[in-house]
Amino acid sequence: MTGKGKLVWPSGASYEGNYKENLNHGKGASYEGPMGVTLMAKGSWKLNRRHGIGEQKYQNSDVYEGFWNENKHEGSGRYVWSNGSMYIGTWKAGKMCGRGV
């Protein structure tokens, strides 16, 4: 599939957004994890990986908003833990790195 659409897998996971050759690619309106797993992501995708700016809400209610590279937090971003703690700063390969508060 190439273009826009919505796909629901047998696991209950779903993706709505742009596709390129059957892969999530371009702007994604939403991705939801399998049934029983609360996982929401929206933003940019590149060949089935989060890439560019986006947001993800995790099963434990943590939230990350910022830049992604190859499915990992990369560049500027904000992570808010379910207990209210927050980190705003730089990320490298999915880890806090460099300047941040």
Protein backbone atom coordinates (compact mmCIF):
# COMPACT_ATOMS: atom_id res chain seq x y z
CA MET A 1 0.00 0.00 0.00
CA THR A 2 1.23 3.51 -0.81
CA GLY A 3 -0.66 6.68 0.14
CA LYS A 4 -2.94 7.29 3.13
CA GLY A 5 -4.96 4.75 5.03
CA LYS A 6 -5.58 2.79 8.21
CA LEU A 7 -4.29 -0.67 8.95
CA VAL A 8 -5.35 -2.89 11.86
CA TRP A 9 -3.25 -5.97 12.64
CA PRO A 10 -4.66 -9.20 14.15
CA SER A 11 -3.00 -8.24 17.48
CA GLY A 12 -5.30 -5.20 17.67
CA ALA A 13 -2.49 -2.72 16.94
CA SER A 14 -3.39 -0.06 14.38
CA TYR A 15 -1.74 2.70 12.37
CA GLU A 16 -3.44 5.53 10.54
CA GLY A 17 -1.42 7.79 8.30
CA ASN A 18 0.83 7.72 5.26
CA TYR A 19 2.39 4.59 3.81
CA LYS A 20 5.13 3.85 1.35
CA GLU A 21 5.38 0.32 -0.02
CA ASN A 22 3.40 -1.11 2.95
CA LEU A 23 5.54 0.68 5.58
CA ASN A 24 4.54 3.54 7.90
CA HIS A 25 6.19 6.47 6.14
CA GLY A 26 5.51 10.21 6.35
CA LYS A 27 2.99 11.86 8.63
CA GLY A 28 1.20 9.49 10.96
CA ALA A 29 -2.05 10.51 12.62
CA SER A 30 -1.89 7.71 15.19
CA TYR A 31 -0.37 4.39 16.14
CA GLU A 32 -1.97 2.31 18.88
CA GLY A 33 -0.39 -0.78 20.40
CA PRO A 34 -1.95 -4.25 20.61
CA MET A 35 -5.06 -4.84 22.75
CA GLY A 36 -4.28 -4.50 26.41
CA VAL A 37 -1.28 -2.25 25.74
CA THR A 38 -1.88 1.48 25.92
CA LEU A 39 0.58 2.95 23.47
CA MET A 40 -0.13 6.02 21.40
CA ALA A 41 2.24 7.68 19.00
CA LYS A 42 1.78 10.39 16.43
CA GLY A 43 4.20 12.28 14.26
CA SER A 44 6.60 11.49 11.47
CA TRP A 45 7.66 8.03 10.33
CA LYS A 46 10.40 6.82 8.02
CA LEU A 47 10.20 3.24 6.73
CA ASN A 48 8.30 1.92 9.78
CA ARG A 49 10.35 3.81 12.37
CA ARG A 50 9.53 7.01 14.21
CA HIS A 51 11.65 9.73 12.64
CA GLY A 52 11.37 13.50 12.96
CA ILE A 53 9.09 15.24 15.43
CA GLY A 54 6.45 13.28 17.30
CA GLU A 55 4.81 12.30 20.55
CA GLN A 56 4.43 8.99 22.35
CA LYS A 57 2.34 8.06 25.36
CA TYR A 58 3.60 4.90 27.04
CA GLN A 59 1.67 2.15 28.81
CA ASN A 60 2.79 3.46 32.22
CA SER A 61 1.43 6.97 31.36
CA ASP A 62 4.89 8.49 30.69
CA VAL A 63 4.93 10.90 27.71
CA TYR A 64 7.74 11.89 25.34
CA GLU A 65 7.41 14.83 22.95
CA GLY A 66 10.26 15.78 20.68
CA PHE A 67 12.52 14.54 17.94
CA TRP A 68 13.08 10.92 16.94
CA ASN A 69 15.74 9.19 14.88
CA GLU A 70 15.40 5.52 13.96
CA ASN A 71 12.79 4.93 16.71
CA LYS A 72 14.91 6.55 19.45
CA HIS A 73 14.70 9.94 21.17
CA GLU A 74 17.26 12.12 19.41
CA GLY A 75 17.79 15.89 19.63
CA SER A 76 15.52 18.18 21.65
CA GLY A 77 12.70 16.65 23.62
CA ARG A 78 10.62 16.59 26.77
CA TYR A 79 9.92 13.48 28.83
CA VAL A 80 7.28 13.55 31.56
CA TRP A 81 7.10 10.59 33.95
CA SER A 82 3.76 9.47 35.37
CA ASN A 83 4.80 10.83 38.81
CA GLY A 84 5.09 14.38 37.36
CA SER A 85 8.89 14.51 37.12
CA MET A 86 10.10 16.03 33.87
CA TYR A 87 13.28 16.32 31.78
CA ILE A 88 13.56 18.92 29.03
CA GLY A 89 16.75 18.83 27.03
CA THR A 90 18.91 16.95 24.59
CA TRP A 91 18.71 13.25 23.77
CA LYS A 92 21.16 10.98 21.95
CA ALA A 93 20.32 7.42 20.89
CA GLY A 94 17.34 7.32 23.27
CA LYS A 95 19.21 8.59 26.35
CA MET A 96 19.40 11.97 28.10
CA CYS A 97 22.59 13.60 26.90
CA GLY A 98 24.11 17.08 27.13
CA ARG A 99 22.15 20.06 28.36
CA GLY A 100 18.83 19.69 30.07
CA VAL A 101 16.77 20.50 33.13
